[in-house]
Amino acid sequence: MYLSLFRRFPLAALILLSHTIMAQQPVTQGVEMADRLRADGKIWVVVAVIAAVFAGIILYLVRLDSQIGKLEKEIKNQKKDVRPKAQDIDR
């Protein structure tokens, strides 16, 4: 089964075989950049920027949802107005 998969999808074969080869070694001393930011007290600046970006994305999505909702209501009302009434058809 694996041989036929590898013949059909060579990229899948490379990914499956290289998965164990490219595994990262555990970090024993910690991440140098994060340690330096924590030592300087700048990690809170990073956290604040990430929080601001996340809050901006959430606000944008909420605003976009409300705008789409308004447009859907307008389209729904226009469809109701366009439909011919039963009494108009008889005439």
PDB file of N, CA and C in Angstrom:
ATOM      1  N   MET A   1       0.817  -1.190   0.000  1.00  0.00           N
ATOM      2  CA  MET A   1       0.000   0.000   0.000  1.00  0.00           C
ATOM      3  C   MET A   1       0.866   1.260   0.000  1.00  0.00           C
ATOM      4  N   TYR A   2       1.898   1.276   0.844  1.00  0.00           N
ATOM      5  CA  TYR A   2       2.757   2.456   0.917  1.00  0.00           C
ATOM      6  C   TYR A   2       3.529   2.669  -0.379  1.00  0.00           C
ATOM      7  N   LEU A   3       3.936   1.578  -1.021  1.00  0.00           N
ATOM      8  CA  LEU A   3       4.683   1.725  -2.258  1.00  0.00           C
ATOM      9  C   LEU A   3       3.824   2.356  -3.349  1.00  0.00           C
ATOM     10  N   SER A   4       2.568   1.948  -3.440  1.00  0.00           N
ATOM     11  CA  SER A   4       1.710   2.542  -4.458  1.00  0.00           C
ATOM     12  C   SER A   4       1.437   4.014  -4.135  1.00  0.00           C
ATOM     13  N   LEU A   5       1.336   4.338  -2.863  1.00  0.00           N
ATOM     14  CA  LEU A   5       1.143   5.734  -2.465  1.00  0.00           C
ATOM     15  C   LEU A   5       2.358   6.563  -2.838  1.00  0.00           C
ATOM     16  N   PHE A   6       3.544   6.023  -2.609  1.00  0.00           N
ATOM     17  CA  PHE A   6       4.770   6.749  -2.915  1.00  0.00           C
ATOM     18  C   PHE A   6       4.967   6.929  -4.406  1.00  0.00           C
ATOM     19  N   ARG A   7       4.529   5.970  -5.199  1.00  0.00           N
ATOM     20  CA  ARG A   7       4.653   6.092  -6.648  1.00  0.00           C
ATOM     21  C   ARG A   7       3.678   7.123  -7.205  1.00  0.00           C
ATOM     22  N   ARG A   8       2.510   7.200  -6.617  1.00  0.00           N
ATOM     23  CA  ARG A   8       1.500   8.133  -7.099  1.00  0.00           C
ATOM     24  C   ARG A   8       1.749   9.553  -6.609  1.00  0.00           C
ATOM     25  N   PHE A   9       2.179   9.658  -5.387  1.00  0.00           N
ATOM     26  CA  PHE A   9       2.370  10.973  -4.780  1.00  0.00           C
ATOM     27  C   PHE A   9       3.780  11.077  -4.200  1.00  0.00           C
ATOM     28  N   PRO A  10       4.755  11.422  -5.016  1.00  0.00           N
ATOM     29  CA  PRO A  10       6.131  11.490  -4.499  1.00  0.00           C
ATOM     30  C   PRO A  10       6.313  12.551  -3.418  1.00  0.00           C
ATOM     31  N   LEU A  11       5.529  13.640  -3.480  1.00  0.00           N
ATOM     32  CA  LEU A  11       5.647  14.664  -2.450  1.00  0.00           C
ATOM     33  C   LEU A  11       5.176  14.124  -1.102  1.00  0.00           C
ATOM     34  N   ALA A  12       4.097  13.352  -1.121  1.00  0.00           N
ATOM     35  CA  ALA A  12       3.610  12.745   0.120  1.00  0.00           C
ATOM     36  C   ALA A  12       4.660  11.808   0.699  1.00  0.00           C
ATOM     37  N   ALA A  13       5.349  11.086  -0.159  1.00  0.00           N
ATOM     38  CA  ALA A  13       6.399  10.185   0.306  1.00  0.00           C
ATOM     39  C   ALA A  13       7.514  10.966   0.984  1.00  0.00           C
ATOM     40  N   LEU A  14       7.934  12.058   0.377  1.00  0.00           N
ATOM     41  CA  LEU A  14       8.999  12.861   0.971  1.00  0.00           C
ATOM     42  C   LEU A  14       8.579  13.439   2.318  1.00  0.00           C
ATOM     43  N   ILE A  15       7.352  13.880   2.405  1.00  0.00           N
ATOM     44  CA  ILE A  15       6.874  14.448   3.662  1.00  0.00           C
ATOM     45  C   ILE A  15       6.812  13.388   4.748  1.00  0.00           C
ATOM     46  N   LEU A  16       6.290  12.220   4.418  1.00  0.00           N
ATOM     47  CA  LEU A  16       6.175  11.160   5.415  1.00  0.00           C
ATOM     48  C   LEU A  16       7.541  10.655   5.861  1.00  0.00           C
ATOM     49  N   LEU A  17       8.470  10.550   4.936  1.00  0.00           N
ATOM     50  CA  LEU A  17       9.791  10.035   5.289  1.00  0.00           C
ATOM     51  C   LEU A  17      10.641  11.072   6.018  1.00  0.00           C
ATOM     52  N   SER A  18      10.470  12.329   5.702  1.00  0.00           N
ATOM     53  CA  SER A  18      11.301  13.349   6.320  1.00  0.00           C
ATOM     54  C   SER A  18      10.748  13.831   7.656  1.00  0.00           C
ATOM     55  N   HIS A  19       9.589  13.362   8.024  1.00  0.00           N
ATOM     56  CA  HIS A  19       8.970  13.815   9.268  1.00  0.00           C
ATOM     57  C   HIS A  19       9.857  13.523  10.474  1.00  0.00           C
ATOM     58  N   THR A  20      10.401  12.334  10.545  1.00  0.00           N
ATOM     59  CA  THR A  20      11.245  11.991  11.685  1.00  0.00           C
ATOM     60  C   THR A  20      12.641  12.571  11.551  1.00  0.00           C
ATOM     61  N   ILE A  21      13.094  12.779  10.332  1.00  0.00           N
ATOM     62  CA  ILE A  21      14.438  13.312  10.128  1.00  0.00           C
ATOM     63  C   ILE A  21      14.510  14.772  10.542  1.00  0.00           C
ATOM     64  N   MET A  22      13.455  15.518  10.255  1.00  0.00           N
ATOM     65  CA  MET A  22      13.470  16.955  10.509  1.00  0.00           C
ATOM     66  C   MET A  22      12.925  17.324  11.886  1.00  0.00           C
ATOM     67  N   ALA A  23      12.744  16.369  12.759  1.00  0.00           N
ATOM     68  CA  ALA A  23      12.222  16.669  14.090  1.00  0.00           C
ATOM     69  C   ALA A  23      13.215  17.548  14.850  1.00  0.00           C
ATOM     70  N   GLN A  24      12.692  18.483  15.593  1.00  0.00           N
ATOM     71  CA  GLN A  24      13.549  19.406  16.322  1.00  0.00           C
ATOM     72  C   GLN A  24      14.051  18.756  17.597  1.00  0.00           C
ATOM     73  N   GLN A  25      15.223  19.163  17.969  1.00  0.00           N
ATOM     74  CA  GLN A  25      15.792  18.711  19.225  1.00  0.00           C
ATOM     75  C   GLN A  25      15.177  19.545  20.350  1.00  0.00           C
ATOM     76  N   PRO A  26      14.966  18.959  21.507  1.00  0.00           N
ATOM     77  CA  PRO A  26      14.392  19.747  22.611  1.00  0.00           C
ATOM     78  C   PRO A  26      15.335  20.885  23.013  1.00  0.00           C
ATOM     79  N   VAL A  27      14.740  21.993  23.361  1.00  0.00           N
ATOM     80  CA  VAL A  27      15.514  23.163  23.761  1.00  0.00           C
ATOM     81  C   VAL A  27      15.898  22.997  25.224  1.00  0.00           C
ATOM     82  N   THR A  28      17.183  22.983  25.479  1.00  0.00           N
ATOM     83  CA  THR A  28      17.643  22.774  26.850  1.00  0.00           C
ATOM     84  C   THR A  28      17.915  24.091  27.568  1.00  0.00           C
ATOM     85  N   GLN A  29      18.347  25.108  26.821  1.00  0.00           N
ATOM     86  CA  GLN A  29      18.705  26.370  27.458  1.00  0.00           C
ATOM     87  C   GLN A  29      17.622  27.429  27.316  1.00  0.00           C
ATOM     88  N   GLY A  30      16.546  27.138  26.628  1.00  0.00           N
ATOM     89  CA  GLY A  30      15.490  28.126  26.420  1.00  0.00           C
ATOM     90  C   GLY A  30      15.722  28.899  25.133  1.00  0.00           C
ATOM     91  N   VAL A  31      14.756  29.677  24.785  1.00  0.00           N
ATOM     92  CA  VAL A  31      14.855  30.484  23.576  1.00  0.00           C
ATOM     93  C   VAL A  31      15.550  31.788  23.931  1.00  0.00           C
ATOM     94  N   GLU A  32      16.642  32.054  23.245  1.00  0.00           N
ATOM     95  CA  GLU A  32      17.482  33.206  23.594  1.00  0.00           C
ATOM     96  C   GLU A  32      16.740  34.525  23.413  1.00  0.00           C
ATOM     97  N   MET A  33      15.984  34.647  22.322  1.00  0.00           N
ATOM     98  CA  MET A  33      15.288  35.904  22.061  1.00  0.00           C
ATOM     99  C   MET A  33      14.240  36.174  23.150  1.00  0.00           C
ATOM    100  N   ALA A  34      13.468  35.155  23.512  1.00  0.00           N
ATOM    101  CA  ALA A  34      12.437  35.340  24.538  1.00  0.00           C
ATOM    102  C   ALA A  34      13.062  35.653  25.893  1.00  0.00           C
ATOM    103  N   ASP A  35      14.162  35.007  26.193  1.00  0.00           N
ATOM    104  CA  ASP A  35      14.844  35.288  27.461  1.00  0.00           C
ATOM    105  C   ASP A  35      15.340  36.729  27.505  1.00  0.00           C
ATOM    106  N   ARG A  36      15.870  37.204  26.405  1.00  0.00           N
ATOM    107  CA  ARG A  36      16.376  38.578  26.345  1.00  0.00           C
ATOM    108  C   ARG A  36      15.235  39.588  26.475  1.00  0.00           C
ATOM    109  N   LEU A  37      14.101  39.310  25.798  1.00  0.00           N
ATOM    110  CA  LEU A  37      12.957  40.212  25.896  1.00  0.00           C
ATOM    111  C   LEU A  37      12.400  40.239  27.314  1.00  0.00           C
ATOM    112  N   ARG A  38      12.358  39.073  27.959  1.00  0.00           N
ATOM    113  CA  ARG A  38      11.874  39.020  29.339  1.00  0.00           C
ATOM    114  C   ARG A  38      12.809  39.781  30.272  1.00  0.00           C
ATOM    115  N   ALA A  39      14.102  39.631  30.064  1.00  0.00           N
ATOM    116  CA  ALA A  39      15.079  40.304  30.917  1.00  0.00           C
ATOM    117  C   ALA A  39      14.992  41.828  30.774  1.00  0.00           C
ATOM    118  N   ASP A  40      14.746  42.299  29.569  1.00  0.00           N
ATOM    119  CA  ASP A  40      14.651  43.742  29.326  1.00  0.00           C
ATOM    120  C   ASP A  40      13.273  44.296  29.650  1.00  0.00           C
ATOM    121  N   GLY A  41      12.306  43.432  29.904  1.00  0.00           N
ATOM    122  CA  GLY A  41      10.957  43.880  30.186  1.00  0.00           C
ATOM    123  C   GLY A  41      10.177  44.244  28.930  1.00  0.00           C
ATOM    124  N   LYS A  42      10.696  43.902  27.765  1.00  0.00           N
ATOM    125  CA  LYS A  42      10.040  44.237  26.507  1.00  0.00           C
ATOM    126  C   LYS A  42       9.042  43.178  26.066  1.00  0.00           C
ATOM    127  N   ILE A  43       8.976  42.084  26.787  1.00  0.00           N
ATOM    128  CA  ILE A  43       8.034  41.028  26.412  1.00  0.00           C
ATOM    129  C   ILE A  43       6.605  41.542  26.499  1.00  0.00           C
ATOM    130  N   TRP A  44       6.370  42.491  27.410  1.00  0.00           N
ATOM    131  CA  TRP A  44       5.018  43.045  27.553  1.00  0.00           C
ATOM    132  C   TRP A  44       4.635  43.913  26.367  1.00  0.00           C
ATOM    133  N   VAL A  45       5.634  44.497  25.721  1.00  0.00           N
ATOM    134  CA  VAL A  45       5.366  45.250  24.494  1.00  0.00           C
ATOM    135  C   VAL A  45       4.907  44.288  23.396  1.00  0.00           C
ATOM    136  N   VAL A  46       5.568  43.161  23.302  1.00  0.00           N
ATOM    137  CA  VAL A  46       5.192  42.145  22.319  1.00  0.00           C
ATOM    138  C   VAL A  46       3.782  41.637  22.601  1.00  0.00           C
ATOM    139  N   VAL A  47       3.498  41.362  23.862  1.00  0.00           N
ATOM    140  CA  VAL A  47       2.167  40.882  24.244  1.00  0.00           C
ATOM    141  C   VAL A  47       1.109  41.938  23.932  1.00  0.00           C
ATOM    142  N   ALA A  48       1.411  43.195  24.198  1.00  0.00           N
ATOM    143  CA  ALA A  48       0.455  44.275  23.933  1.00  0.00           C
ATOM    144  C   ALA A  48       0.190  44.422  22.439  1.00  0.00           C
ATOM    145  N   VAL A  49       1.218  44.320  21.628  1.00  0.00           N
ATOM    146  CA  VAL A  49       1.042  44.435  20.172  1.00  0.00           C
ATOM    147  C   VAL A  49       0.200  43.279  19.650  1.00  0.00           C
ATOM    148  N   ILE A  50       0.485  42.080  20.109  1.00  0.00           N
ATOM    149  CA  ILE A  50      -0.295  40.908  19.682  1.00  0.00           C
ATOM    150  C   ILE A  50      -1.750  41.056  20.121  1.00  0.00           C
ATOM    151  N   ALA A  51      -1.976  41.516  21.342  1.00  0.00           N
ATOM    152  CA  ALA A  51      -3.344  41.713  21.833  1.00  0.00           C
ATOM    153  C   ALA A  51      -4.067  42.784  21.026  1.00  0.00           C
ATOM    154  N   ALA A  52      -3.364  43.862  20.670  1.00  0.00           N
ATOM    155  CA  ALA A  52      -3.984  44.930  19.880  1.00  0.00           C
ATOM    156  C   ALA A  52      -4.362  44.436  18.488  1.00  0.00           C
ATOM    157  N   VAL A  53      -3.491  43.670  17.876  1.00  0.00           N
ATOM    158  CA  VAL A  53      -3.792  43.121  16.549  1.00  0.00           C
ATOM    159  C   VAL A  53      -4.974  42.166  16.630  1.00  0.00           C
ATOM    160  N   PHE A  54      -4.980  41.314  17.639  1.00  0.00           N
ATOM    161  CA  PHE A  54      -6.082  40.367  17.816  1.00  0.00           C
ATOM    162  C   PHE A  54      -7.404  41.101  18.056  1.00  0.00           C
ATOM    163  N   ALA A  55      -7.378  42.130  18.896  1.00  0.00           N
ATOM    164  CA  ALA A  55      -8.591  42.903  19.159  1.00  0.00           C
ATOM    165  C   ALA A  55      -9.062  43.622  17.892  1.00  0.00           C
ATOM    166  N   GLY A  56      -8.130  44.135  17.103  1.00  0.00           N
ATOM    167  CA  GLY A  56      -8.489  44.773  15.845  1.00  0.00           C
ATOM    168  C   GLY A  56      -9.148  43.815  14.876  1.00  0.00           C
ATOM    169  N   ILE A  57      -8.635  42.618  14.792  1.00  0.00           N
ATOM    170  CA  ILE A  57      -9.233  41.606  13.913  1.00  0.00           C
ATOM    171  C   ILE A  57     -10.635  41.251  14.385  1.00  0.00           C
ATOM    172  N   ILE A  58     -10.803  41.090  15.692  1.00  0.00           N
ATOM    173  CA  ILE A  58     -12.124  40.749  16.232  1.00  0.00           C
ATOM    174  C   ILE A  58     -13.116  41.885  15.957  1.00  0.00           C
ATOM    175  N   LEU A  59     -12.716  43.132  16.203  1.00  0.00           N
ATOM    176  CA  LEU A  59     -13.599  44.266  15.941  1.00  0.00           C
ATOM    177  C   LEU A  59     -13.958  44.365  14.454  1.00  0.00           C
ATOM    178  N   TYR A  60     -12.990  44.129  13.605  1.00  0.00           N
ATOM    179  CA  TYR A  60     -13.242  44.159  12.164  1.00  0.00           C
ATOM    180  C   TYR A  60     -14.262  43.093  11.770  1.00  0.00           C
ATOM    181  N   LEU A  61     -14.114  41.887  12.296  1.00  0.00           N
ATOM    182  CA  LEU A  61     -15.046  40.807  11.966  1.00  0.00           C
ATOM    183  C   LEU A  61     -16.449  41.087  12.489  1.00  0.00           C
ATOM    184  N   VAL A  62     -16.560  41.659  13.679  1.00  0.00           N
ATOM    185  CA  VAL A  62     -17.876  41.990  14.229  1.00  0.00           C
ATOM    186  C   VAL A  62     -18.538  43.076  13.387  1.00  0.00           C
ATOM    187  N   ARG A  63     -17.778  44.085  13.017  1.00  0.00           N
ATOM    188  CA  ARG A  63     -18.323  45.168  12.178  1.00  0.00           C
ATOM    189  C   ARG A  63     -18.724  44.645  10.804  1.00  0.00           C
ATOM    190  N   LEU A  64     -17.906  43.784  10.236  1.00  0.00           N
ATOM    191  CA  LEU A  64     -18.208  43.203   8.931  1.00  0.00           C
ATOM    192  C   LEU A  64     -19.466  42.350   8.994  1.00  0.00           C
ATOM    193  N   ASP A  65     -19.627  41.618  10.086  1.00  0.00           N
ATOM    194  CA  ASP A  65     -20.821  40.789  10.257  1.00  0.00           C
ATOM    195  C   ASP A  65     -22.081  41.644  10.334  1.00  0.00           C
ATOM    196  N   SER A  66     -22.002  42.759  11.047  1.00  0.00           N
ATOM    197  CA  SER A  66     -23.181  43.622  11.147  1.00  0.00           C
ATOM    198  C   SER A  66     -23.501  44.265   9.798  1.00  0.00           C
ATOM    199  N   GLN A  67     -22.503  44.658   9.060  1.00  0.00           N
ATOM    200  CA  GLN A  67     -22.736  45.240   7.736  1.00  0.00           C
ATOM    201  C   GLN A  67     -23.352  44.217   6.786  1.00  0.00           C
ATOM    202  N   ILE A  68     -22.861  42.999   6.825  1.00  0.00           N
ATOM    203  CA  ILE A  68     -23.415  41.945   5.974  1.00  0.00           C
ATOM    204  C   ILE A  68     -24.853  41.649   6.377  1.00  0.00           C
ATOM    205  N   GLY A  69     -25.128  41.672   7.671  1.00  0.00           N
ATOM    206  CA  GLY A  69     -26.495  41.461   8.145  1.00  0.00           C
ATOM    207  C   GLY A  69     -27.446  42.532   7.622  1.00  0.00           C
ATOM    208  N   LYS A  70     -26.991  43.787   7.632  1.00  0.00           N
ATOM    209  CA  LYS A  70     -27.820  44.879   7.102  1.00  0.00           C
ATOM    210  C   LYS A  70     -28.083  44.690   5.610  1.00  0.00           C
ATOM    211  N   LEU A  71     -27.054  44.308   4.875  1.00  0.00           N
ATOM    212  CA  LEU A  71     -27.226  44.078   3.438  1.00  0.00           C
ATOM    213  C   LEU A  71     -28.186  42.923   3.163  1.00  0.00           C
ATOM    214  N   GLU A  72     -28.096  41.877   3.970  1.00  0.00           N
ATOM    215  CA  GLU A  72     -29.008  40.743   3.799  1.00  0.00           C
ATOM    216  C   GLU A  72     -30.452  41.165   4.044  1.00  0.00           C
ATOM    217  N   LYS A  73     -30.673  42.002   5.060  1.00  0.00           N
ATOM    218  CA  LYS A  73     -32.024  42.492   5.334  1.00  0.00           C
ATOM    219  C   LYS A  73     -32.536  43.346   4.188  1.00  0.00           C
ATOM    220  N   GLU A  74     -31.673  44.214   3.640  1.00  0.00           N
ATOM    221  CA  GLU A  74     -32.075  45.051   2.509  1.00  0.00           C
ATOM    222  C   GLU A  74     -32.457  44.197   1.302  1.00  0.00           C
ATOM    223  N   ILE A  75     -31.673  43.186   1.018  1.00  0.00           N
ATOM    224  CA  ILE A  75     -31.968  42.306  -0.114  1.00  0.00           C
ATOM    225  C   ILE A  75     -33.264  41.549   0.118  1.00  0.00           C
ATOM    226  N   LYS A  76     -33.459  41.106   1.353  1.00  0.00           N
ATOM    227  CA  LYS A  76     -34.692  40.386   1.678  1.00  0.00           C
ATOM    228  C   LYS A  76     -35.905  41.292   1.502  1.00  0.00           C
ATOM    229  N   ASN A  77     -35.804  42.541   1.936  1.00  0.00           N
ATOM    230  CA  ASN A  77     -36.905  43.497   1.783  1.00  0.00           C
ATOM    231  C   ASN A  77     -37.144  43.839   0.314  1.00  0.00           C
ATOM    232  N   GLN A  78     -36.091  43.945  -0.470  1.00  0.00           N
ATOM    233  CA  GLN A  78     -36.249  44.229  -1.889  1.00  0.00           C
ATOM    234  C   GLN A  78     -36.942  43.082  -2.606  1.00  0.00           C
ATOM    235  N   LYS A  79     -36.627  41.850  -2.230  1.00  0.00           N
ATOM    236  CA  LYS A  79     -37.278  40.699  -2.850  1.00  0.00           C
ATOM    237  C   LYS A  79     -38.759  40.678  -2.515  1.00  0.00           C
ATOM    238  N   LYS A  80     -39.117  41.080  -1.295  1.00  0.00           N
ATOM    239  CA  LYS A  80     -40.527  41.125  -0.912  1.00  0.00           C
ATOM    240  C   LYS A  80     -41.267  42.186  -1.729  1.00  0.00           C
ATOM    241  N   ASP A  81     -40.612  43.317  -1.980  1.00  0.00           N
ATOM    242  CA  ASP A  81     -41.236  44.405  -2.729  1.00  0.00           C
ATOM    243  C   ASP A  81     -41.370  44.074  -4.212  1.00  0.00           C
ATOM    244  N   VAL A  82     -40.480  43.275  -4.756  1.00  0.00           N
ATOM    245  CA  VAL A  82     -40.462  42.968  -6.179  1.00  0.00           C
ATOM    246  C   VAL A  82     -41.493  41.906  -6.542  1.00  0.00           C
ATOM    247  N   ARG A  83     -41.789  41.000  -5.628  1.00  0.00           N
ATOM    248  CA  ARG A  83     -42.735  39.922  -5.922  1.00  0.00           C
ATOM    249  C   ARG A  83     -44.100  40.485  -6.298  1.00  0.00           C
ATOM    250  N   PRO A  84     -44.687  39.983  -7.371  1.00  0.00           N
ATOM    251  CA  PRO A  84     -46.034  40.448  -7.731  1.00  0.00           C
ATOM    252  C   PRO A  84     -47.064  39.887  -6.758  1.00  0.00           C
ATOM    253  N   LYS A  85     -48.019  40.716  -6.444  1.00  0.00           N
ATOM    254  CA  LYS A  85     -49.071  40.289  -5.536  1.00  0.00           C
ATOM    255  C   LYS A  85     -50.106  39.492  -6.311  1.00  0.00           C
ATOM    256  N   ALA A  86     -50.864  38.673  -5.629  1.00  0.00           N
ATOM    257  CA  ALA A  86     -51.848  37.810  -6.275  1.00  0.00           C
ATOM    258  C   ALA A  86     -52.912  38.636  -6.987  1.00  0.00           C
ATOM    259  N   GLN A  87     -53.317  39.748  -6.422  1.00  0.00           N
ATOM    260  CA  GLN A  87     -54.356  40.558  -7.042  1.00  0.00           C
ATOM    261  C   GLN A  87     -53.850  41.255  -8.300  1.00  0.00           C
ATOM    262  N   ASP A  88     -52.514  41.534  -8.380  1.00  0.00           N
ATOM    263  CA  ASP A  88     -51.950  42.141  -9.578  1.00  0.00           C
ATOM    264  C   ASP A  88     -51.886  41.137 -10.741  1.00  0.00           C
ATOM    265  N   ILE A  89     -51.732  39.875 -10.435  1.00  0.00           N
ATOM    266  CA  ILE A  89     -51.635  38.836 -11.465  1.00  0.00           C
ATOM    267  C   ILE A  89     -52.998  38.624 -12.123  1.00  0.00           C
ATOM    268  N   ASP A  90     -54.082  38.703 -11.361  1.00  0.00           N
ATOM    269  CA  ASP A  90     -55.416  38.453 -11.904  1.00  0.00           C
ATOM    270  C   ASP A  90     -55.848  39.523 -12.890  1.00  0.00           C
ATOM    271  N   ARG A  91     -55.337  40.680 -12.788  1.00  0.00           N
ATOM    272  CA  ARG A  91     -55.791  41.786 -13.638  1.00  0.00           C
ATOM    273  C   ARG A  91     -55.203  41.741 -14.991  1.00  0.00           C
TER     274      ARG A  91
END
